[in-house]
Amino acid sequence: MPPIMADPTASEVQRYIAQGLDCEHLEVEGDGQHFFATIVSKEFEGCNRVARHQRVYKALGDRMRKQIHALSMKTLTPAEWASTPAAPHHH
């Protein structure tokens, strides 16, 4: 029997996405079951929302099927992020 995987933390999900996708900004919140990610990447330029989400799922690979039960995401290009009024531009 395979070992039972612990639910991932938001920081682990953030690391998984960052390993597979070049992000300018990445923020993940969640409770181990449901996650919400804000992802800003140049790789999203020219892609529609579905293609952007598929790119994130590809970055997550098997973890998306096995460990992450629900992931909501806002996927933006750097230009879209810069034009978002609520976006923090200075860290």
PDB file of N, CA and C in Angstrom:
ATOM      1  N   MET A   1       0.848  -1.190   0.000  1.00  0.00           N
ATOM      2  CA  MET A   1       0.000   0.000   0.000  1.00  0.00           C
ATOM      3  C   MET A   1       0.889   1.247   0.000  1.00  0.00           C
ATOM      4  N   PRO A   2       0.594   2.219  -0.868  1.00  0.00           N
ATOM      5  CA  PRO A   2       1.442   3.412  -0.893  1.00  0.00           C
ATOM      6  C   PRO A   2       1.272   4.219   0.390  1.00  0.00           C
ATOM      7  N   PRO A   3       2.302   4.947   0.784  1.00  0.00           N
ATOM      8  CA  PRO A   3       2.176   5.754   1.996  1.00  0.00           C
ATOM      9  C   PRO A   3       1.136   6.851   1.796  1.00  0.00           C
ATOM     10  N   ILE A   4       0.481   7.214   2.859  1.00  0.00           N
ATOM     11  CA  ILE A   4      -0.514   8.288   2.787  1.00  0.00           C
ATOM     12  C   ILE A   4       0.235   9.613   2.762  1.00  0.00           C
ATOM     13  N   MET A   5      -0.064  10.401   1.764  1.00  0.00           N
ATOM     14  CA  MET A   5       0.609  11.699   1.654  1.00  0.00           C
ATOM     15  C   MET A   5      -0.090  12.707   2.552  1.00  0.00           C
ATOM     16  N   ALA A   6       0.707  13.462   3.255  1.00  0.00           N
ATOM     17  CA  ALA A   6       0.144  14.531   4.074  1.00  0.00           C
ATOM     18  C   ALA A   6      -0.378  15.627   3.151  1.00  0.00           C
ATOM     19  N   ASP A   7      -1.385  16.339   3.619  1.00  0.00           N
ATOM     20  CA  ASP A   7      -1.874  17.467   2.825  1.00  0.00           C
ATOM     21  C   ASP A   7      -0.768  18.506   2.722  1.00  0.00           C
ATOM     22  N   PRO A   8      -0.571  19.060   1.537  1.00  0.00           N
ATOM     23  CA  PRO A   8       0.487  20.054   1.383  1.00  0.00           C
ATOM     24  C   PRO A   8       0.103  21.378   2.043  1.00  0.00           C
ATOM     25  N   THR A   9       1.093  22.124   2.445  1.00  0.00           N
ATOM     26  CA  THR A   9       0.844  23.466   2.977  1.00  0.00           C
ATOM     27  C   THR A   9       0.830  24.451   1.810  1.00  0.00           C
ATOM     28  N   ALA A  10       0.338  25.646   2.063  1.00  0.00           N
ATOM     29  CA  ALA A  10       0.319  26.672   1.018  1.00  0.00           C
ATOM     30  C   ALA A  10       1.735  26.964   0.528  1.00  0.00           C
ATOM     31  N   SER A  11       2.713  26.974   1.447  1.00  0.00           N
ATOM     32  CA  SER A  11       4.088  27.269   1.023  1.00  0.00           C
ATOM     33  C   SER A  11       4.651  26.140   0.159  1.00  0.00           C
ATOM     34  N   GLU A  12       4.250  24.906   0.418  1.00  0.00           N
ATOM     35  CA  GLU A  12       4.693  23.791  -0.439  1.00  0.00           C
ATOM     36  C   GLU A  12       4.091  23.907  -1.835  1.00  0.00           C
ATOM     37  N   VAL A  13       2.809  24.230  -1.903  1.00  0.00           N
ATOM     38  CA  VAL A  13       2.160  24.392  -3.205  1.00  0.00           C
ATOM     39  C   VAL A  13       2.848  25.528  -3.971  1.00  0.00           C
ATOM     40  N   GLN A  14       3.167  26.602  -3.257  1.00  0.00           N
ATOM     41  CA  GLN A  14       3.860  27.732  -3.878  1.00  0.00           C
ATOM     42  C   GLN A  14       5.208  27.279  -4.435  1.00  0.00           C
ATOM     43  N   ARG A  15       5.934  26.466  -3.683  1.00  0.00           N
ATOM     44  CA  ARG A  15       7.240  25.969  -4.125  1.00  0.00           C
ATOM     45  C   ARG A  15       7.073  25.055  -5.351  1.00  0.00           C
ATOM     46  N   TYR A  16       6.065  24.191  -5.329  1.00  0.00           N
ATOM     47  CA  TYR A  16       5.828  23.289  -6.465  1.00  0.00           C
ATOM     48  C   TYR A  16       5.585  24.090  -7.748  1.00  0.00           C
ATOM     49  N   ILE A  17       4.754  25.138  -7.643  1.00  0.00           N
ATOM     50  CA  ILE A  17       4.455  25.952  -8.830  1.00  0.00           C
ATOM     51  C   ILE A  17       5.725  26.657  -9.296  1.00  0.00           C
ATOM     52  N   ALA A  18       6.469  27.229  -8.352  1.00  0.00           N
ATOM     53  CA  ALA A  18       7.680  27.985  -8.702  1.00  0.00           C
ATOM     54  C   ALA A  18       8.731  27.094  -9.362  1.00  0.00           C
ATOM     55  N   GLN A  19       8.774  25.815  -8.970  1.00  0.00           N
ATOM     56  CA  GLN A  19       9.753  24.900  -9.565  1.00  0.00           C
ATOM     57  C   GLN A  19       9.449  24.632 -11.030  1.00  0.00           C
ATOM     58  N   GLY A  20       8.173  24.696 -11.404  1.00  0.00           N
ATOM     59  CA  GLY A  20       7.806  24.339 -12.769  1.00  0.00           C
ATOM     60  C   GLY A  20       7.385  25.491 -13.645  1.00  0.00           C
ATOM     61  N   LEU A  21       7.373  26.703 -13.085  1.00  0.00           N
ATOM     62  CA  LEU A  21       6.877  27.848 -13.837  1.00  0.00           C
ATOM     63  C   LEU A  21       7.659  29.076 -13.411  1.00  0.00           C
ATOM     64  N   ASP A  22       8.142  29.842 -14.379  1.00  0.00           N
ATOM     65  CA  ASP A  22       8.902  31.057 -14.086  1.00  0.00           C
ATOM     66  C   ASP A  22       7.921  32.165 -13.713  1.00  0.00           C
ATOM     67  N   CYS A  23       7.872  32.508 -12.430  1.00  0.00           N
ATOM     68  CA  CYS A  23       6.889  33.471 -11.930  1.00  0.00           C
ATOM     69  C   CYS A  23       7.551  34.787 -11.523  1.00  0.00           C
ATOM     70  N   GLU A  24       6.897  35.876 -11.875  1.00  0.00           N
ATOM     71  CA  GLU A  24       7.352  37.187 -11.396  1.00  0.00           C
ATOM     72  C   GLU A  24       6.764  37.464 -10.021  1.00  0.00           C
ATOM     73  N   HIS A  25       5.577  36.932  -9.792  1.00  0.00           N
ATOM     74  CA  HIS A  25       4.918  37.080  -8.493  1.00  0.00           C
ATOM     75  C   HIS A  25       4.115  35.809  -8.268  1.00  0.00           C
ATOM     76  N   LEU A  26       4.169  35.309  -7.060  1.00  0.00           N
ATOM     77  CA  LEU A  26       3.450  34.071  -6.747  1.00  0.00           C
ATOM     78  C   LEU A  26       3.033  34.113  -5.289  1.00  0.00           C
ATOM     79  N   GLU A  27       1.748  33.939  -5.087  1.00  0.00           N
ATOM     80  CA  GLU A  27       1.200  33.978  -3.737  1.00  0.00           C
ATOM     81  C   GLU A  27       0.189  32.848  -3.626  1.00  0.00           C
ATOM     82  N   VAL A  28       0.298  32.024  -2.605  1.00  0.00           N
ATOM     83  CA  VAL A  28      -0.629  30.911  -2.423  1.00  0.00           C
ATOM     84  C   VAL A  28      -1.160  30.939  -0.994  1.00  0.00           C
ATOM     85  N   GLU A  29      -2.471  30.827  -0.870  1.00  0.00           N
ATOM     86  CA  GLU A  29      -3.117  30.714   0.434  1.00  0.00           C
ATOM     87  C   GLU A  29      -3.909  29.421   0.423  1.00  0.00           C
ATOM     88  N   GLY A  30      -4.060  28.809   1.586  1.00  0.00           N
ATOM     89  CA  GLY A  30      -4.870  27.599   1.612  1.00  0.00           C
ATOM     90  C   GLY A  30      -4.796  26.881   2.937  1.00  0.00           C
ATOM     91  N   ASP A  31      -5.618  25.841   3.042  1.00  0.00           N
ATOM     92  CA  ASP A  31      -5.777  25.127   4.313  1.00  0.00           C
ATOM     93  C   ASP A  31      -5.390  23.652   4.214  1.00  0.00           C
ATOM     94  N   GLY A  32      -4.675  23.271   3.155  1.00  0.00           N
ATOM     95  CA  GLY A  32      -4.308  21.869   2.988  1.00  0.00           C
ATOM     96  C   GLY A  32      -5.243  21.121   2.053  1.00  0.00           C
ATOM     97  N   GLN A  33      -6.444  21.613   1.897  1.00  0.00           N
ATOM     98  CA  GLN A  33      -7.423  20.997   0.993  1.00  0.00           C
ATOM     99  C   GLN A  33      -7.719  21.915  -0.187  1.00  0.00           C
ATOM    100  N   HIS A  34      -7.966  23.174   0.122  1.00  0.00           N
ATOM    101  CA  HIS A  34      -8.339  24.150  -0.893  1.00  0.00           C
ATOM    102  C   HIS A  34      -7.305  25.268  -0.904  1.00  0.00           C
ATOM    103  N   PHE A  35      -6.891  25.644  -2.100  1.00  0.00           N
ATOM    104  CA  PHE A  35      -5.863  26.665  -2.241  1.00  0.00           C
ATOM    105  C   PHE A  35      -6.313  27.736  -3.215  1.00  0.00           C
ATOM    106  N   PHE A  36      -5.803  28.952  -2.990  1.00  0.00           N
ATOM    107  CA  PHE A  36      -6.025  30.049  -3.926  1.00  0.00           C
ATOM    108  C   PHE A  36      -4.661  30.633  -4.270  1.00  0.00           C
ATOM    109  N   ALA A  37      -4.347  30.681  -5.539  1.00  0.00           N
ATOM    110  CA  ALA A  37      -3.044  31.170  -5.976  1.00  0.00           C
ATOM    111  C   ALA A  37      -3.195  32.376  -6.888  1.00  0.00           C
ATOM    112  N   THR A  38      -2.337  33.361  -6.667  1.00  0.00           N
ATOM    113  CA  THR A  38      -2.187  34.474  -7.604  1.00  0.00           C
ATOM    114  C   THR A  38      -0.835  34.273  -8.262  1.00  0.00           C
ATOM    115  N   ILE A  39      -0.849  34.092  -9.574  1.00  0.00           N
ATOM    116  CA  ILE A  39       0.363  33.720 -10.300  1.00  0.00           C
ATOM    117  C   ILE A  39       0.580  34.717 -11.437  1.00  0.00           C
ATOM    118  N   VAL A  40       1.745  35.349 -11.430  1.00  0.00           N
ATOM    119  CA  VAL A  40       2.102  36.301 -12.487  1.00  0.00           C
ATOM    120  C   VAL A  40       3.319  35.738 -13.219  1.00  0.00           C
ATOM    121  N   SER A  41       3.160  35.492 -14.516  1.00  0.00           N
ATOM    122  CA  SER A  41       4.249  34.891 -15.287  1.00  0.00           C
ATOM    123  C   SER A  41       4.245  35.390 -16.728  1.00  0.00           C
ATOM    124  N   LYS A  42       5.440  35.624 -17.259  1.00  0.00           N
ATOM    125  CA  LYS A  42       5.572  35.987 -18.678  1.00  0.00           C
ATOM    126  C   LYS A  42       5.085  34.856 -19.559  1.00  0.00           C
ATOM    127  N   GLU A  43       5.143  33.620 -19.037  1.00  0.00           N
ATOM    128  CA  GLU A  43       4.722  32.466 -19.836  1.00  0.00           C
ATOM    129  C   GLU A  43       3.231  32.507 -20.179  1.00  0.00           C
ATOM    130  N   PHE A  44       2.461  33.370 -19.492  1.00  0.00           N
ATOM    131  CA  PHE A  44       1.026  33.462 -19.765  1.00  0.00           C
ATOM    132  C   PHE A  44       0.710  34.387 -20.935  1.00  0.00           C
ATOM    133  N   GLU A  45       1.697  35.146 -21.405  1.00  0.00           N
ATOM    134  CA  GLU A  45       1.436  36.093 -22.487  1.00  0.00           C
ATOM    135  C   GLU A  45       0.954  35.352 -23.724  1.00  0.00           C
ATOM    136  N   GLY A  46      -0.148  35.828 -24.299  1.00  0.00           N
ATOM    137  CA  GLY A  46      -0.701  35.206 -25.494  1.00  0.00           C
ATOM    138  C   GLY A  46      -1.548  33.969 -25.220  1.00  0.00           C
ATOM    139  N   CYS A  47      -1.742  33.624 -23.943  1.00  0.00           N
ATOM    140  CA  CYS A  47      -2.542  32.443 -23.585  1.00  0.00           C
ATOM    141  C   CYS A  47      -3.896  32.869 -23.014  1.00  0.00           C
ATOM    142  N   ASN A  48      -4.926  32.094 -23.321  1.00  0.00           N
ATOM    143  CA  ASN A  48      -6.210  32.357 -22.687  1.00  0.00           C
ATOM    144  C   ASN A  48      -6.208  31.743 -21.281  1.00  0.00           C
ATOM    145  N   ARG A  49      -7.278  31.964 -20.549  1.00  0.00           N
ATOM    146  CA  ARG A  49      -7.328  31.530 -19.149  1.00  0.00           C
ATOM    147  C   ARG A  49      -7.172  30.013 -19.019  1.00  0.00           C
ATOM    148  N   VAL A  50      -7.816  29.260 -19.906  1.00  0.00           N
ATOM    149  CA  VAL A  50      -7.724  27.801 -19.842  1.00  0.00           C
ATOM    150  C   VAL A  50      -6.288  27.344 -20.069  1.00  0.00           C
ATOM    151  N   ALA A  51      -5.616  27.908 -21.062  1.00  0.00           N
ATOM    152  CA  ALA A  51      -4.225  27.536 -21.355  1.00  0.00           C
ATOM    153  C   ALA A  51      -3.312  27.911 -20.188  1.00  0.00           C
ATOM    154  N   ARG A  52      -3.584  29.034 -19.539  1.00  0.00           N
ATOM    155  CA  ARG A  52      -2.786  29.440 -18.379  1.00  0.00           C
ATOM    156  C   ARG A  52      -2.940  28.429 -17.247  1.00  0.00           C
ATOM    157  N   HIS A  53      -4.179  28.032 -16.995  1.00  0.00           N
ATOM    158  CA  HIS A  53      -4.433  27.058 -15.926  1.00  0.00           C
ATOM    159  C   HIS A  53      -3.770  25.718 -16.258  1.00  0.00           C
ATOM    160  N   GLN A  54      -3.841  25.319 -17.522  1.00  0.00           N
ATOM    161  CA  GLN A  54      -3.196  24.060 -17.925  1.00  0.00           C
ATOM    162  C   GLN A  54      -1.695  24.134 -17.684  1.00  0.00           C
ATOM    163  N   ARG A  55      -1.118  25.307 -17.903  1.00  0.00           N
ATOM    164  CA  ARG A  55       0.327  25.489 -17.685  1.00  0.00           C
ATOM    165  C   ARG A  55       0.663  25.316 -16.198  1.00  0.00           C
ATOM    166  N   VAL A  56      -0.187  25.822 -15.329  1.00  0.00           N
ATOM    167  CA  VAL A  56       0.029  25.675 -13.878  1.00  0.00           C
ATOM    168  C   VAL A  56      -0.135  24.202 -13.485  1.00  0.00           C
ATOM    169  N   TYR A  57      -1.165  23.541 -14.015  1.00  0.00           N
ATOM    170  CA  TYR A  57      -1.377  22.122 -13.702  1.00  0.00           C
ATOM    171  C   TYR A  57      -0.175  21.303 -14.158  1.00  0.00           C
ATOM    172  N   LYS A  58       0.391  21.664 -15.315  1.00  0.00           N
ATOM    173  CA  LYS A  58       1.568  20.954 -15.809  1.00  0.00           C
ATOM    174  C   LYS A  58       2.743  21.141 -14.839  1.00  0.00           C
ATOM    175  N   ALA A  59       2.891  22.355 -14.308  1.00  0.00           N
ATOM    176  CA  ALA A  59       3.963  22.627 -13.343  1.00  0.00           C
ATOM    177  C   ALA A  59       3.776  21.775 -12.083  1.00  0.00           C
ATOM    178  N   LEU A  60       2.533  21.568 -11.692  1.00  0.00           N
ATOM    179  CA  LEU A  60       2.245  20.788 -10.480  1.00  0.00           C
ATOM    180  C   LEU A  60       2.334  19.287 -10.731  1.00  0.00           C
ATOM    181  N   GLY A  61       2.090  18.871 -11.966  1.00  0.00           N
ATOM    182  CA  GLY A  61       2.219  17.457 -12.322  1.00  0.00           C
ATOM    183  C   GLY A  61       1.322  16.551 -11.502  1.00  0.00           C
ATOM    184  N   ASP A  62       1.869  15.411 -11.074  1.00  0.00           N
ATOM    185  CA  ASP A  62       1.085  14.416 -10.329  1.00  0.00           C
ATOM    186  C   ASP A  62       0.526  14.947  -9.031  1.00  0.00           C
ATOM    187  N   ARG A  63       1.192  15.943  -8.458  1.00  0.00           N
ATOM    188  CA  ARG A  63       0.711  16.481  -7.176  1.00  0.00           C
ATOM    189  C   ARG A  63      -0.706  17.030  -7.306  1.00  0.00           C
ATOM    190  N   MET A  64      -1.020  17.552  -8.495  1.00  0.00           N
ATOM    191  CA  MET A  64      -2.359  18.114  -8.690  1.00  0.00           C
ATOM    192  C   MET A  64      -3.403  17.022  -8.532  1.00  0.00           C
ATOM    193  N   ARG A  65      -3.107  15.841  -9.033  1.00  0.00           N
ATOM    194  CA  ARG A  65      -4.081  14.753  -8.954  1.00  0.00           C
ATOM    195  C   ARG A  65      -4.077  14.084  -7.582  1.00  0.00           C
ATOM    196  N   LYS A  66      -2.907  13.958  -6.968  1.00  0.00           N
ATOM    197  CA  LYS A  66      -2.790  13.158  -5.755  1.00  0.00           C
ATOM    198  C   LYS A  66      -2.923  13.932  -4.457  1.00  0.00           C
ATOM    199  N   GLN A  67      -2.416  15.165  -4.432  1.00  0.00           N
ATOM    200  CA  GLN A  67      -2.333  15.879  -3.154  1.00  0.00           C
ATOM    201  C   GLN A  67      -3.209  17.110  -3.066  1.00  0.00           C
ATOM    202  N   ILE A  68      -3.392  17.784  -4.187  1.00  0.00           N
ATOM    203  CA  ILE A  68      -4.096  19.068  -4.145  1.00  0.00           C
ATOM    204  C   ILE A  68      -5.533  18.842  -4.593  1.00  0.00           C
ATOM    205  N   HIS A  69      -6.450  19.034  -3.674  1.00  0.00           N
ATOM    206  CA  HIS A  69      -7.856  18.702  -3.958  1.00  0.00           C
ATOM    207  C   HIS A  69      -8.563  19.817  -4.715  1.00  0.00           C
ATOM    208  N   ALA A  70      -8.247  21.049  -4.398  1.00  0.00           N
ATOM    209  CA  ALA A  70      -8.894  22.166  -5.078  1.00  0.00           C
ATOM    210  C   ALA A  70      -7.926  23.331  -5.150  1.00  0.00           C
ATOM    211  N   LEU A  71      -7.769  23.859  -6.349  1.00  0.00           N
ATOM    212  CA  LEU A  71      -6.887  25.000  -6.550  1.00  0.00           C
ATOM    213  C   LEU A  71      -7.624  26.019  -7.399  1.00  0.00           C
ATOM    214  N   SER A  72      -7.872  27.185  -6.802  1.00  0.00           N
ATOM    215  CA  SER A  72      -8.417  28.307  -7.555  1.00  0.00           C
ATOM    216  C   SER A  72      -7.246  29.211  -7.867  1.00  0.00           C
ATOM    217  N   MET A  73      -7.245  29.802  -9.025  1.00  0.00           N
ATOM    218  CA  MET A  73      -6.113  30.656  -9.332  1.00  0.00           C
ATOM    219  C   MET A  73      -6.483  31.857 -10.168  1.00  0.00           C
ATOM    220  N   LYS A  74      -5.706  32.914  -9.928  1.00  0.00           N
ATOM    221  CA  LYS A  74      -5.772  34.116 -10.747  1.00  0.00           C
ATOM    222  C   LYS A  74      -4.444  34.134 -11.480  1.00  0.00           C
ATOM    223  N   THR A  75      -4.497  34.017 -12.812  1.00  0.00           N
ATOM    224  CA  THR A  75      -3.280  33.955 -13.617  1.00  0.00           C
ATOM    225  C   THR A  75      -3.174  35.240 -14.431  1.00  0.00           C
ATOM    226  N   LEU A  76      -2.063  35.938 -14.261  1.00  0.00           N
ATOM    227  CA  LEU A  76      -1.885  37.238 -14.907  1.00  0.00           C
ATOM    228  C   LEU A  76      -0.518  37.329 -15.575  1.00  0.00           C
ATOM    229  N   THR A  77      -0.445  38.111 -16.649  1.00  0.00           N
ATOM    230  CA  THR A  77       0.855  38.457 -17.224  1.00  0.00           C
ATOM    231  C   THR A  77       1.407  39.617 -16.401  1.00  0.00           C
ATOM    232  N   PRO A  78       2.703  39.893 -16.503  1.00  0.00           N
ATOM    233  CA  PRO A  78       3.252  41.038 -15.766  1.00  0.00           C
ATOM    234  C   PRO A  78       2.525  42.351 -16.085  1.00  0.00           C
ATOM    235  N   ALA A  79       2.144  42.550 -17.353  1.00  0.00           N
ATOM    236  CA  ALA A  79       1.438  43.784 -17.727  1.00  0.00           C
ATOM    237  C   ALA A  79       0.058  43.851 -17.076  1.00  0.00           C
ATOM    238  N   GLU A  80      -0.650  42.707 -17.046  1.00  0.00           N
ATOM    239  CA  GLU A  80      -1.965  42.671 -16.389  1.00  0.00           C
ATOM    240  C   GLU A  80      -1.822  42.928 -14.896  1.00  0.00           C
ATOM    241  N   TRP A  81      -0.778  42.330 -14.288  1.00  0.00           N
ATOM    242  CA  TRP A  81      -0.528  42.515 -12.853  1.00  0.00           C
ATOM    243  C   TRP A  81      -0.245  43.983 -12.551  1.00  0.00           C
ATOM    244  N   ALA A  82       0.555  44.626 -13.404  1.00  0.00           N
ATOM    245  CA  ALA A  82       0.918  46.030 -13.195  1.00  0.00           C
ATOM    246  C   ALA A  82      -0.294  46.946 -13.289  1.00  0.00           C
ATOM    247  N   SER A  83      -1.287  46.541 -14.085  1.00  0.00           N
ATOM    248  CA  SER A  83      -2.473  47.389 -14.256  1.00  0.00           C
ATOM    249  C   SER A  83      -3.587  47.032 -13.263  1.00  0.00           C
ATOM    250  N   THR A  84      -3.327  46.083 -12.360  1.00  0.00           N
ATOM    251  CA  THR A  84      -4.310  45.719 -11.350  1.00  0.00           C
ATOM    252  C   THR A  84      -4.206  46.726 -10.205  1.00  0.00           C
ATOM    253  N   PRO A  85      -5.290  47.470  -9.919  1.00  0.00           N
ATOM    254  CA  PRO A  85      -5.200  48.525  -8.900  1.00  0.00           C
ATOM    255  C   PRO A  85      -4.748  48.026  -7.527  1.00  0.00           C
ATOM    256  N   ALA A  86      -5.153  46.816  -7.155  1.00  0.00           N
ATOM    257  CA  ALA A  86      -4.837  46.324  -5.816  1.00  0.00           C
ATOM    258  C   ALA A  86      -3.450  45.685  -5.726  1.00  0.00           C
ATOM    259  N   ALA A  87      -2.765  45.590  -6.849  1.00  0.00           N
ATOM    260  CA  ALA A  87      -1.475  44.898  -6.843  1.00  0.00           C
ATOM    261  C   ALA A  87      -0.430  45.703  -6.074  1.00  0.00           C
ATOM    262  N   PRO A  88       0.244  45.057  -5.143  1.00  0.00           N
ATOM    263  CA  PRO A  88       1.331  45.757  -4.443  1.00  0.00           C
ATOM    264  C   PRO A  88       2.546  45.830  -5.362  1.00  0.00           C
ATOM    265  N   HIS A  89       2.996  47.026  -5.654  1.00  0.00           N
ATOM    266  CA  HIS A  89       4.103  47.193  -6.593  1.00  0.00           C
ATOM    267  C   HIS A  89       5.444  47.277  -5.884  1.00  0.00           C
ATOM    268  N   HIS A  90       5.408  47.473  -4.584  1.00  0.00           N
ATOM    269  CA  HIS A  90       6.663  47.574  -3.834  1.00  0.00           C
ATOM    270  C   HIS A  90       6.616  46.623  -2.666  1.00  0.00           C
ATOM    271  N   HIS A  91       7.669  45.843  -2.501  1.00  0.00           N
ATOM    272  CA  HIS A  91       7.721  44.892  -1.393  1.00  0.00           C
ATOM    273  C   HIS A  91       8.652  45.393  -0.334  1.00  0.00           C
TER     274      HIS A  91
END
